[in-house]
PDB file of N, CA and C in Angstrom:
ATOM      1  N   MET A   1      90.244  54.299  77.082  1.00  0.00           N
ATOM      2  CA  MET A   1      91.089  53.527  76.216  1.00  0.00           C
ATOM      3  C   MET A   1      90.966  54.076  74.796  1.00  0.00           C
ATOM      4  N   ALA A   2      92.045  54.092  74.069  1.00  0.00           N
ATOM      5  CA  ALA A   2      92.058  54.650  72.717  1.00  0.00           C
ATOM      6  C   ALA A   2      91.396  53.706  71.725  1.00  0.00           C
ATOM      7  N   ARG A   3      90.828  54.322  70.705  1.00  0.00           N
ATOM      8  CA  ARG A   3      90.223  53.529  69.634  1.00  0.00           C
ATOM      9  C   ARG A   3      91.313  53.026  68.697  1.00  0.00           C
ATOM     10  N   PRO A   4      91.095  51.889  68.069  1.00  0.00           N
ATOM     11  CA  PRO A   4      92.087  51.407  67.111  1.00  0.00           C
ATOM     12  C   PRO A   4      92.116  52.320  65.878  1.00  0.00           C
ATOM     13  N   ILE A   5      93.268  52.442  65.285  1.00  0.00           N
ATOM     14  CA  ILE A   5      93.430  53.263  64.094  1.00  0.00           C
ATOM     15  C   ILE A   5      92.919  52.500  62.890  1.00  0.00           C
ATOM     16  N   ALA A   6      92.087  53.168  62.085  1.00  0.00           N
ATOM     17  CA  ALA A   6      91.532  52.523  60.894  1.00  0.00           C
ATOM     18  C   ALA A   6      92.621  52.358  59.845  1.00  0.00           C
ATOM     19  N   GLU A   7      92.451  51.372  59.016  1.00  0.00           N
ATOM     20  CA  GLU A   7      93.424  51.131  57.959  1.00  0.00           C
ATOM     21  C   GLU A   7      93.421  52.272  56.964  1.00  0.00           C
ATOM     22  N   THR A   8      94.588  52.606  56.456  1.00  0.00           N
ATOM     23  CA  THR A   8      94.721  53.635  55.430  1.00  0.00           C
ATOM     24  C   THR A   8      94.498  53.000  54.070  1.00  0.00           C
ATOM     25  N   LEU A   9      93.677  53.664  53.275  1.00  0.00           N
ATOM     26  CA  LEU A   9      93.398  53.139  51.944  1.00  0.00           C
ATOM     27  C   LEU A   9      94.636  53.240  51.064  1.00  0.00           C
ATOM     28  N   ILE A  10      94.781  52.294  50.167  1.00  0.00           N
ATOM     29  CA  ILE A  10      95.865  52.321  49.189  1.00  0.00           C
ATOM     30  C   ILE A  10      95.260  52.788  47.877  1.00  0.00           C
ATOM     31  N   LEU A  11      95.851  53.833  47.312  1.00  0.00           N
ATOM     32  CA  LEU A  11      95.324  54.402  46.076  1.00  0.00           C
ATOM     33  C   LEU A  11      95.988  53.756  44.874  1.00  0.00           C
ATOM     34  N   TYR A  12      95.196  53.501  43.860  1.00  0.00           N
ATOM     35  CA  TYR A  12      95.686  52.907  42.632  1.00  0.00           C
ATOM     36  C   TYR A  12      95.216  53.734  41.441  1.00  0.00           C
ATOM     37  N   GLY A  13      95.916  53.621  40.331  1.00  0.00           N
ATOM     38  CA  GLY A  13      95.479  54.189  39.061  1.00  0.00           C
ATOM     39  C   GLY A  13      95.335  55.697  39.083  1.00  0.00           C
ATOM     40  N   ASP A  14      94.210  56.177  38.527  1.00  0.00           N
ATOM     41  CA  ASP A  14      93.964  57.612  38.404  1.00  0.00           C
ATOM     42  C   ASP A  14      93.907  58.302  39.763  1.00  0.00           C
ATOM     43  N   ASP A  15      93.369  57.631  40.761  1.00  0.00           N
ATOM     44  CA  ASP A  15      93.298  58.225  42.100  1.00  0.00           C
ATOM     45  C   ASP A  15      94.691  58.493  42.644  1.00  0.00           C
ATOM     46  N   ALA A  16      95.593  57.553  42.447  1.00  0.00           N
ATOM     47  CA  ALA A  16      96.962  57.720  42.932  1.00  0.00           C
ATOM     48  C   ALA A  16      97.663  58.861  42.193  1.00  0.00           C
ATOM     49  N   LEU A  17      97.473  58.928  40.890  1.00  0.00           N
ATOM     50  CA  LEU A  17      98.098  59.998  40.106  1.00  0.00           C
ATOM     51  C   LEU A  17      97.556  61.368  40.513  1.00  0.00           C
ATOM     52  N   ARG A  18      96.257  61.447  40.711  1.00  0.00           N
ATOM     53  CA  ARG A  18      95.635  62.703  41.143  1.00  0.00           C
ATOM     54  C   ARG A  18      96.164  63.127  42.509  1.00  0.00           C
ATOM     55  N   PHE A  19      96.319  62.169  43.411  1.00  0.00           N
ATOM     56  CA  PHE A  19      96.847  62.465  44.743  1.00  0.00           C
ATOM     57  C   PHE A  19      98.259  63.026  44.642  1.00  0.00           C
ATOM     58  N   ILE A  20      99.106  62.418  43.838  1.00  0.00           N
ATOM     59  CA  ILE A  20     100.492  62.870  43.677  1.00  0.00           C
ATOM     60  C   ILE A  20     100.524  64.270  43.089  1.00  0.00           C
ATOM     61  N   GLU A  21      99.705  64.525  42.076  1.00  0.00           N
ATOM     62  CA  GLU A  21      99.677  65.851  41.458  1.00  0.00           C
ATOM     63  C   GLU A  21      99.265  66.918  42.458  1.00  0.00           C
ATOM     64  N   ARG A  22      98.225  66.650  43.219  1.00  0.00           N
ATOM     65  CA  ARG A  22      97.742  67.631  44.198  1.00  0.00           C
ATOM     66  C   ARG A  22      98.731  67.824  45.334  1.00  0.00           C
ATOM     67  N   ALA A  23      99.447  66.781  45.712  1.00  0.00           N
ATOM     68  CA  ALA A  23     100.440  66.894  46.777  1.00  0.00           C
ATOM     69  C   ALA A  23     101.609  67.771  46.346  1.00  0.00           C
ATOM     70  N   GLN A  24     101.895  67.797  45.060  1.00  0.00           N
ATOM     71  CA  GLN A  24     103.007  68.598  44.559  1.00  0.00           C
ATOM     72  C   GLN A  24     102.614  70.042  44.286  1.00  0.00           C
ATOM     73  N   GLN A  25     101.337  70.349  44.249  1.00  0.00           N
ATOM     74  CA  GLN A  25     100.868  71.705  43.985  1.00  0.00           C
ATOM     75  C   GLN A  25     100.710  72.459  45.304  1.00  0.00           C
ATOM     76  N   VAL A  26     101.825  72.842  45.881  1.00  0.00           N
ATOM     77  CA  VAL A  26     101.826  73.549  47.150  1.00  0.00           C
ATOM     78  C   VAL A  26     101.854  75.043  46.865  1.00  0.00           C
ATOM     79  N   GLU A  27     100.986  75.782  47.554  1.00  0.00           N
ATOM     80  CA  GLU A  27     100.971  77.228  47.378  1.00  0.00           C
ATOM     81  C   GLU A  27     102.165  77.828  48.100  1.00  0.00           C
ATOM     82  N   SER A  28     102.899  78.663  47.389  1.00  0.00           N
ATOM     83  CA  SER A  28     104.016  79.367  47.991  1.00  0.00           C
ATOM     84  C   SER A  28     103.620  80.828  48.158  1.00  0.00           C
ATOM     85  N   LEU A  29     103.481  81.255  49.387  1.00  0.00           N
ATOM     86  CA  LEU A  29     103.111  82.628  49.670  1.00  0.00           C
ATOM     87  C   LEU A  29     104.333  83.408  50.117  1.00  0.00           C
ATOM     88  N   THR A  30     104.385  84.655  49.716  1.00  0.00           N
ATOM     89  CA  THR A  30     105.475  85.517  50.173  1.00  0.00           C
ATOM     90  C   THR A  30     105.189  85.919  51.611  1.00  0.00           C
ATOM     91  N   PRO A  31     106.199  86.356  52.346  1.00  0.00           N
ATOM     92  CA  PRO A  31     105.952  86.809  53.725  1.00  0.00           C
ATOM     93  C   PRO A  31     104.925  87.944  53.792  1.00  0.00           C
ATOM     94  N   GLU A  32     104.910  88.813  52.777  1.00  0.00           N
ATOM     95  CA  GLU A  32     103.937  89.913  52.763  1.00  0.00           C
ATOM     96  C   GLU A  32     102.512  89.366  52.621  1.00  0.00           C
ATOM     97  N   GLN A  33     102.342  88.353  51.757  1.00  0.00           N
ATOM     98  CA  GLN A  33     101.022  87.746  51.583  1.00  0.00           C
ATOM     99  C   GLN A  33     100.578  87.052  52.865  1.00  0.00           C
ATOM    100  N   ARG A  34     101.499  86.398  53.536  1.00  0.00           N
ATOM    101  CA  ARG A  34     101.152  85.732  54.796  1.00  0.00           C
ATOM    102  C   ARG A  34     100.716  86.749  55.846  1.00  0.00           C
ATOM    103  N   ARG A  35     101.443  87.882  55.939  1.00  0.00           N
ATOM    104  CA  ARG A  35     101.072  88.926  56.897  1.00  0.00           C
ATOM    105  C   ARG A  35      99.704  89.506  56.550  1.00  0.00           C
ATOM    106  N   ALA A  36      99.454  89.732  55.250  1.00  0.00           N
ATOM    107  CA  ALA A  36      98.157  90.268  54.826  1.00  0.00           C
ATOM    108  C   ALA A  36      97.041  89.284  55.175  1.00  0.00           C
ATOM    109  N   ASN A  37      97.264  87.994  54.958  1.00  0.00           N
ATOM    110  CA  ASN A  37      96.262  86.973  55.306  1.00  0.00           C
ATOM    111  C   ASN A  37      96.005  86.963  56.805  1.00  0.00           C
ATOM    112  N   LEU A  38      97.060  87.082  57.600  1.00  0.00           N
ATOM    113  CA  LEU A  38      96.913  87.083  59.051  1.00  0.00           C
ATOM    114  C   LEU A  38      96.130  88.304  59.513  1.00  0.00           C
ATOM    115  N   ARG A  39      96.450  89.480  58.947  1.00  0.00           N
ATOM    116  CA  ARG A  39      95.715  90.705  59.309  1.00  0.00           C
ATOM    117  C   ARG A  39      94.237  90.572  58.956  1.00  0.00           C
ATOM    118  N   ALA A  40      93.943  90.050  57.773  1.00  0.00           N
ATOM    119  CA  ALA A  40      92.549  89.876  57.349  1.00  0.00           C
ATOM    120  C   ALA A  40      91.820  88.905  58.277  1.00  0.00           C
ATOM    121  N   LEU A  41      92.483  87.833  58.670  1.00  0.00           N
ATOM    122  CA  LEU A  41      91.881  86.864  59.583  1.00  0.00           C
ATOM    123  C   LEU A  41      91.607  87.501  60.935  1.00  0.00           C
ATOM    124  N   GLU A  42      92.571  88.255  61.460  1.00  0.00           N
ATOM    125  CA  GLU A  42      92.381  88.907  62.762  1.00  0.00           C
ATOM    126  C   GLU A  42      91.227  89.894  62.717  1.00  0.00           C
ATOM    127  N   GLU A  43      91.085  90.617  61.597  1.00  0.00           N
ATOM    128  CA  GLU A  43      89.963  91.557  61.453  1.00  0.00           C
ATOM    129  C   GLU A  43      88.629  90.810  61.438  1.00  0.00           C
ATOM    130  N   ARG A  44      88.566  89.695  60.706  1.00  0.00           N
ATOM    131  CA  ARG A  44      87.323  88.922  60.652  1.00  0.00           C
ATOM    132  C   ARG A  44      86.961  88.362  62.019  1.00  0.00           C
ATOM    133  N   VAL A  45      87.957  87.915  62.765  1.00  0.00           N
ATOM    134  CA  VAL A  45      87.695  87.378  64.106  1.00  0.00           C
ATOM    135  C   VAL A  45      87.200  88.488  65.018  1.00  0.00           C
ATOM    136  N   ALA A  46      87.843  89.662  64.959  1.00  0.00           N
ATOM    137  CA  ALA A  46      87.423  90.787  65.791  1.00  0.00           C
ATOM    138  C   ALA A  46      85.998  91.211  65.448  1.00  0.00           C
ATOM    139  N   ASN A  47      85.657  91.248  64.167  1.00  0.00           N
ATOM    140  CA  ASN A  47      84.306  91.631  63.759  1.00  0.00           C
ATOM    141  C   ASN A  47      83.280  90.588  64.166  1.00  0.00           C
ATOM    142  N   SER A  48      83.650  89.321  64.125  1.00  0.00           N
ATOM    143  CA  SER A  48      82.686  88.276  64.473  1.00  0.00           C
ATOM    144  C   SER A  48      82.394  88.264  65.964  1.00  0.00           C
ATOM    145  N   LYS A  49      83.325  88.729  66.784  1.00  0.00           N
ATOM    146  CA  LYS A  49      83.101  88.762  68.236  1.00  0.00           C
ATOM    147  C   LYS A  49      81.958  89.703  68.583  1.00  0.00           C
ATOM    148  N   HIS A  50      81.728  90.727  67.765  1.00  0.00           N
ATOM    149  CA  HIS A  50      80.657  91.659  68.024  1.00  0.00           C
ATOM    150  C   HIS A  50      79.298  91.087  67.640  1.00  0.00           C
ATOM    151  N   LYS A  51      79.282  90.107  66.762  1.00  0.00           N
ATOM    152  CA  LYS A  51      78.041  89.544  66.248  1.00  0.00           C
ATOM    153  C   LYS A  51      77.595  88.298  66.997  1.00  0.00           C
ATOM    154  N   ILE A  52      78.502  87.656  67.725  1.00  0.00           N
ATOM    155  CA  ILE A  52      78.191  86.392  68.387  1.00  0.00           C
ATOM    156  C   ILE A  52      77.983  86.635  69.877  1.00  0.00           C
ATOM    157  N   GLU A  53      76.890  86.110  70.410  1.00  0.00           N
ATOM    158  CA  GLU A  53      76.649  86.196  71.839  1.00  0.00           C
ATOM    159  C   GLU A  53      77.039  84.881  72.490  1.00  0.00           C
ATOM    160  N   PHE A  54      77.835  84.978  73.523  1.00  0.00           N
ATOM    161  CA  PHE A  54      78.264  83.790  74.250  1.00  0.00           C
ATOM    162  C   PHE A  54      77.475  83.668  75.534  1.00  0.00           C
ATOM    163  N   CYS A  55      76.945  82.508  75.781  1.00  0.00           N
ATOM    164  CA  CYS A  55      76.202  82.235  77.011  1.00  0.00           C
ATOM    165  C   CYS A  55      76.969  81.186  77.799  1.00  0.00           C
ATOM    166  N   TRP A  56      77.434  81.556  78.947  1.00  0.00           N
ATOM    167  CA  TRP A  56      78.211  80.609  79.759  1.00  0.00           C
ATOM    168  C   TRP A  56      77.366  80.051  80.818  1.00  0.00           C
TER     169      TRP A  56
END
């Protein structure tokens, strides 16, 4: 059976303003930057596979 969902807090004052400001500060990446990030991530994952031993 599923657990009940906890109540969501309501933000007031400075907390609410800070939340709105941060929500509007979205990073816009160019397609080239996204591809570069993906390549870097794939390289890190490939390198980490050599360092981690898996025991099944």
